Protein backbone atom coordinates (compact mmCIF):
# COMPACT_ATOMS: atom_id res chain seq x y z
CA MET A 1 -6.52 6.78 -23.57
CA SER A 2 -5.58 3.85 -21.31
CA VAL A 3 -7.46 0.58 -21.61
CA PHE A 4 -7.19 0.17 -17.82
CA ASP A 5 -9.30 1.84 -15.15
CA LEU A 6 -6.92 1.02 -12.33
CA SER A 7 -3.52 -0.52 -11.73
CA LEU A 8 -2.73 -2.82 -8.82
CA VAL A 9 0.94 -2.48 -7.86
CA MET A 10 2.39 -5.45 -5.99
CA ASN A 11 5.90 -5.28 -4.57
CA PHE A 12 8.12 -8.34 -4.27
CA HIS A 13 11.55 -9.03 -2.81
CA ALA A 14 12.02 -12.42 -1.14
CA GLU A 15 8.51 -13.80 -0.73
CA GLY A 16 9.29 -17.07 -2.48
CA VAL A 17 6.33 -19.44 -2.65
CA LEU A 18 4.13 -16.94 -0.80
CA ALA A 19 4.19 -14.76 -3.91
CA GLN A 20 2.10 -17.25 -5.85
CA TRP A 21 -0.71 -17.17 -3.28
CA SER A 22 -0.77 -13.38 -3.22
CA LEU A 23 -0.95 -13.33 -7.02
CA TRP A 24 -3.88 -15.74 -6.94
CA GLY A 25 -5.49 -13.28 -4.55
CA ALA A 26 -4.84 -10.49 -7.04
CA GLN A 27 -6.48 -12.53 -9.78
CA ARG A 28 -9.52 -13.01 -7.55
CA MET A 29 -9.79 -9.23 -7.12
CA ARG A 30 -9.42 -8.70 -10.85
CA GLU A 31 -12.18 -11.20 -11.63
CA HIS A 32 -14.48 -9.46 -9.14
CA SER A 33 -13.68 -6.06 -10.70
CA CYS A 34 -14.31 -7.40 -14.18
CA ARG A 35 -17.86 -8.34 -13.19
CA PHE A 36 -18.44 -4.65 -12.46
CA GLY A 37 -16.86 -3.51 -15.72
CA VAL A 38 -13.63 -2.32 -14.08
CA ARG A 39 -10.47 -3.07 -16.06
CA VAL A 40 -7.48 -3.91 -13.86
CA GLN A 41 -3.80 -3.84 -14.76
CA LEU A 42 -1.37 -5.78 -12.57
CA ILE A 43 2.11 -4.36 -12.07
CA ALA A 44 4.61 -6.59 -10.26
CA VAL A 45 7.69 -4.76 -9.02
CA LEU A 46 10.67 -7.03 -8.31
CA ASP A 47 13.08 -5.08 -6.11
CA CYS A 48 16.37 -6.97 -5.74
CA ALA A 49 14.21 -10.09 -5.84
CA ASP A 50 15.73 -13.50 -5.24
CA ALA A 51 15.64 -16.19 -7.92
CA GLU A 52 12.71 -18.13 -6.47
CA THR A 53 10.51 -15.06 -6.12
CA THR A 54 11.39 -13.88 -9.62
CA ARG A 55 10.50 -17.28 -11.06
CA MET A 56 7.22 -17.44 -9.15
CA VAL A 57 6.14 -14.01 -10.34
CA ARG A 58 7.21 -14.18 -13.97
CA ALA A 59 5.66 -17.60 -14.56
CA HIS A 60 2.40 -16.97 -12.73
CA PRO A 61 -0.85 -17.43 -14.70
CA ALA A 62 -2.33 -14.30 -13.09
CA LEU A 63 -0.13 -12.15 -15.34
CA LEU A 64 -2.09 -11.22 -18.46
CA SER A 65 -1.52 -9.17 -21.59
CA GLY A 66 -0.97 -5.55 -20.64
CA ASP A 67 0.39 -6.38 -17.19
CA ARG A 68 3.94 -5.37 -16.37
CA VAL A 69 6.85 -6.84 -14.43
CA LEU A 70 9.45 -4.27 -13.38
CA ASP A 71 12.97 -5.24 -12.32
CA VAL A 72 14.44 -2.58 -10.04
CA HIS A 73 17.36 -2.47 -7.65
CA PHE A 74 16.42 0.13 -5.07
CA ALA A 75 16.51 -2.17 -2.03
CA ASP A 76 13.83 0.16 -0.70
CA LEU A 77 10.10 -0.52 -0.54
CA GLY A 78 9.06 3.11 -0.86
CA LEU A 79 11.08 3.71 -4.00
CA SER A 80 9.87 0.49 -5.61
CA ARG A 81 6.28 1.56 -4.94
CA ASN A 82 6.97 4.87 -6.63
CA ALA A 83 8.30 3.02 -9.67
CA GLY A 84 5.07 1.05 -9.84
CA ALA A 85 2.93 4.18 -9.66
CA GLU A 86 4.97 5.86 -12.38
CA SER A 87 4.58 2.82 -14.64
CA ALA A 88 0.85 2.43 -14.00
CA GLN A 89 -1.54 3.04 -16.89
CA GLY A 90 -4.71 3.20 -14.81
CA SER A 91 -6.17 6.47 -13.53
CA TYR A 92 -6.32 4.87 -10.08
CA VAL A 93 -3.63 2.89 -8.26
CA GLY A 94 -3.78 0.39 -5.43
CA PHE A 95 -0.79 -0.94 -3.48
CA LEU A 96 -0.38 -4.41 -1.99
CA ASP A 97 2.77 -6.11 -0.73
CA GLY A 98 3.75 -9.40 -2.31
CA ASP A 99 2.90 -11.65 0.64
CA ASP A 100 -0.43 -10.06 1.59
CA TYR A 101 -4.03 -10.40 0.43
CA CYS A 102 -7.21 -8.35 0.27
CA SER A 103 -10.82 -9.42 0.04
CA ALA A 104 -12.12 -9.94 -3.49
CA ASN A 105 -14.21 -6.75 -3.38
CA TRP A 106 -11.37 -4.47 -2.29
CA LEU A 107 -10.47 -2.87 -5.62
CA THR A 108 -14.06 -2.48 -6.76
CA SER A 109 -15.21 -0.91 -3.50
CA ALA A 110 -12.15 1.30 -3.12
CA MET A 111 -12.59 2.68 -6.62
CA GLN A 112 -16.22 3.57 -5.92
CA VAL A 113 -15.16 5.56 -2.85
CA ALA A 114 -12.29 7.25 -4.68
CA GLN A 115 -14.55 8.23 -7.55
CA SER A 116 -16.96 9.86 -5.10
CA TRP A 117 -14.31 11.94 -3.35
CA GLY A 118 -11.80 12.58 -6.12
CA ASP A 119 -8.23 13.28 -5.08
CA GLN A 120 -9.24 14.44 -1.59
CA VAL A 121 -9.01 10.97 -0.05
CA VAL A 122 -6.92 7.84 0.05
CA VAL A 123 -8.87 4.64 0.66
CA HIS A 124 -7.98 1.69 2.91
CA PRO A 125 -9.67 -1.65 3.58
CA GLU A 126 -12.03 -1.41 6.55
CA TYR A 127 -10.51 -4.30 8.49
CA ILE A 128 -6.89 -5.31 9.05
CA VAL A 129 -6.58 -9.01 9.76
CA SER A 130 -3.06 -9.71 11.03
CA HIS A 131 -2.02 -13.36 10.83
CA GLY A 132 1.14 -15.36 11.29
CA ALA A 133 3.47 -14.33 14.13
CA VAL A 134 0.86 -11.84 15.38
CA ARG A 135 -2.90 -12.44 15.25
CA VAL A 136 -5.00 -9.31 15.59
CA LEU A 137 -8.23 -7.99 14.10
CA ALA A 138 -8.52 -4.21 13.88
CA ARG A 139 -10.70 -1.68 12.14
CA ALA A 140 -8.98 1.12 10.23
CA VAL A 141 -9.79 4.72 11.14
CA ASP A 142 -12.11 6.64 8.82
CA GLN A 143 -11.25 10.32 9.11
CA LEU A 144 -14.47 11.27 7.33
CA THR A 145 -16.75 9.74 9.96
CA ASP A 146 -14.78 8.68 13.05
CA ASN A 147 -13.98 10.91 16.01
CA TYR A 148 -10.22 10.45 15.76
CA ASP A 149 -7.77 12.99 17.15
CA THR A 150 -4.98 13.61 14.64
CA ALA A 151 -2.57 13.90 17.57
CA ASN A 152 -2.77 10.10 17.84
CA CYS A 153 -0.80 9.91 14.59
CA PHE A 154 2.29 10.92 16.57
CA LYS A 155 2.06 7.63 18.46
CA ALA A 156 0.74 5.12 15.96
CA HIS A 157 -0.16 4.46 12.34
CA PRO A 158 -3.83 3.40 12.24
CA TRP A 159 -3.82 2.31 8.59
CA GLY A 160 -2.19 -0.63 6.85
CA SER A 161 0.03 -0.61 3.78
CA ALA A 162 -2.84 -1.51 1.44
CA VAL A 163 -4.07 1.79 0.02
CA PHE A 164 -5.91 3.08 -3.04
CA ALA A 165 -6.19 6.53 -4.62
CA ARG A 166 -6.02 8.47 -7.83
CA ARG A 167 -2.66 7.91 -9.49
CA SER A 168 -2.05 11.66 -9.36
CA VAL A 169 -2.02 11.52 -5.54
CA PHE A 170 0.85 9.02 -5.49
CA LEU A 171 2.77 11.07 -8.05
CA GLU A 172 2.26 14.28 -6.05
CA ILE A 173 3.15 12.64 -2.72
CA PRO A 174 5.63 9.84 -3.40
CA TYR A 175 6.95 7.47 -0.76
CA GLN A 176 10.27 8.46 0.77
CA THR A 177 13.29 6.21 1.09
CA THR A 178 14.01 4.70 4.50
CA ARG A 179 17.02 2.32 4.43
CA VAL A 180 16.98 2.16 8.19
CA ARG A 181 20.45 0.64 8.51
CA GLU A 182 21.97 3.61 6.71
CA THR A 183 19.74 6.48 7.78
CA GLY A 184 17.93 5.48 10.96
CA PHE A 185 14.64 6.40 9.29
CA GLY A 186 11.84 3.87 9.01
CA TYR A 187 8.10 3.28 8.65
CA GLU A 188 7.55 4.46 5.08
CA ASP A 189 3.78 3.83 5.28
CA TRP A 190 3.42 5.84 8.47
CA HIS A 191 5.40 8.76 7.04
CA TRP A 192 3.43 8.71 3.80
CA GLY A 193 0.16 8.63 5.71
CA LEU A 194 1.19 11.74 7.64
CA GLU A 195 2.14 13.53 4.43
CA ILE A 196 -1.34 12.78 3.09
CA ILE A 197 -2.89 14.46 6.13
CA ALA A 198 -0.52 17.42 5.82
CA SER A 199 -1.64 17.87 2.21
CA GLY A 200 -5.22 18.45 3.40
CA ARG A 201 -6.50 15.01 2.39
CA ASN A 202 -8.23 12.37 4.49
CA HIS A 203 -7.76 8.67 5.03
CA THR A 204 -11.04 6.84 4.57
CA ILE A 205 -12.21 3.24 4.18
CA ALA A 206 -14.13 1.05 1.78
CA THR A 207 -16.72 -0.63 3.98
CA GLU A 208 -16.95 -4.42 4.20
CA THR A 209 -13.45 -4.95 2.81
CA ALA A 210 -10.49 -6.61 4.50
CA PHE A 211 -6.69 -6.54 4.32
CA PHE A 212 -4.97 -9.78 5.34
CA TYR A 213 -1.60 -8.70 6.70
CA ARG A 214 1.08 -11.36 7.09
CA ARG A 215 3.14 -10.77 10.25
CA LYS A 216 6.59 -12.37 10.37
CA ARG A 217 9.15 -12.77 13.11
CA ASP A 218 11.90 -11.41 10.84
CA SER A 219 10.05 -8.72 8.87
CA MET A 220 11.11 -5.20 7.92
CA LEU A 221 8.82 -3.88 10.65
CA VAL A 222 10.48 -6.06 13.29
CA ASP A 223 13.91 -4.87 12.11
CA MET A 224 12.86 -1.21 12.26
CA ASN A 225 11.49 -1.65 15.77
CA ALA A 226 14.67 -3.39 16.92
CA ARG A 227 16.79 -0.58 15.50
CA GLN A 228 14.55 2.06 17.11
CA ALA A 229 13.92 3.70 13.76
CA VAL A 230 12.34 7.15 13.67
CA LEU A 231 10.05 8.86 11.20
CA ARG A 232 11.62 11.05 8.57
CA PRO A 233 10.87 14.78 9.09
CA GLY A 234 8.05 16.02 6.89
CA ARG A 235 5.24 18.49 6.39
CA PHE A 236 3.03 16.93 9.04
CA PHE A 237 5.45 17.81 11.83
CA ALA A 238 6.01 21.28 10.40
CA THR A 239 2.33 22.16 10.08
CA CYS A 240 0.48 20.17 12.76
CA PRO A 241 -0.46 22.45 15.70
CA TYR A 242 0.28 19.66 18.17
CA SER A 243 3.96 19.69 17.25
CA SER A 244 4.45 23.15 18.78
CA ARG A 245 2.81 22.39 22.12
CA LYS A 246 4.97 22.50 25.23
């Protein structure tokens, strides 16, 4: 039996000094969880990481006994997330990119929601606070309570990349590779979110939690938009009744 209740998977590539601040944020979440008796494992996935980022992560005081640092060479965020989920020892897994933050109560609150609903939901922070090149405050959609037409998912992705669920959900529905410059496919979070809906599950929120999303002028998202990337075909498009309308 694992000594951890949940595993927080953080993905790194070229965050540099920003990685240290995100890891301090992870430590803050772990300390909050510990006060509620929740044992957190940190898994740092270094995907083709540069030297500065690697040094920042490996030497960071937030890494404790039982935590893991994975060196992978996928050059793909989705595949590196999958590697983190596969390596996780907790029954629950949360994802957070290496230059982002969440409020201290995020893991604790998300786990409470996930325990109540089992594997029928994935849990997001309630608020998305974009900062940096773009400054926006938005509330994530709760499919359990909000009047939200699923057809809107054809146009936009109403959830951020920070997500929490039973580990079994991530193993059943892994992220798909994008590599937009080779394939033309992009938006791994959007695609994964649609696959969750197609599986019969719902996206919900942990109330009074926040995701602090760093927006850059030269990010993966900006590159995908510039290249006019499209979503990979999947079960959502095959099963959603809206896709057959004329």
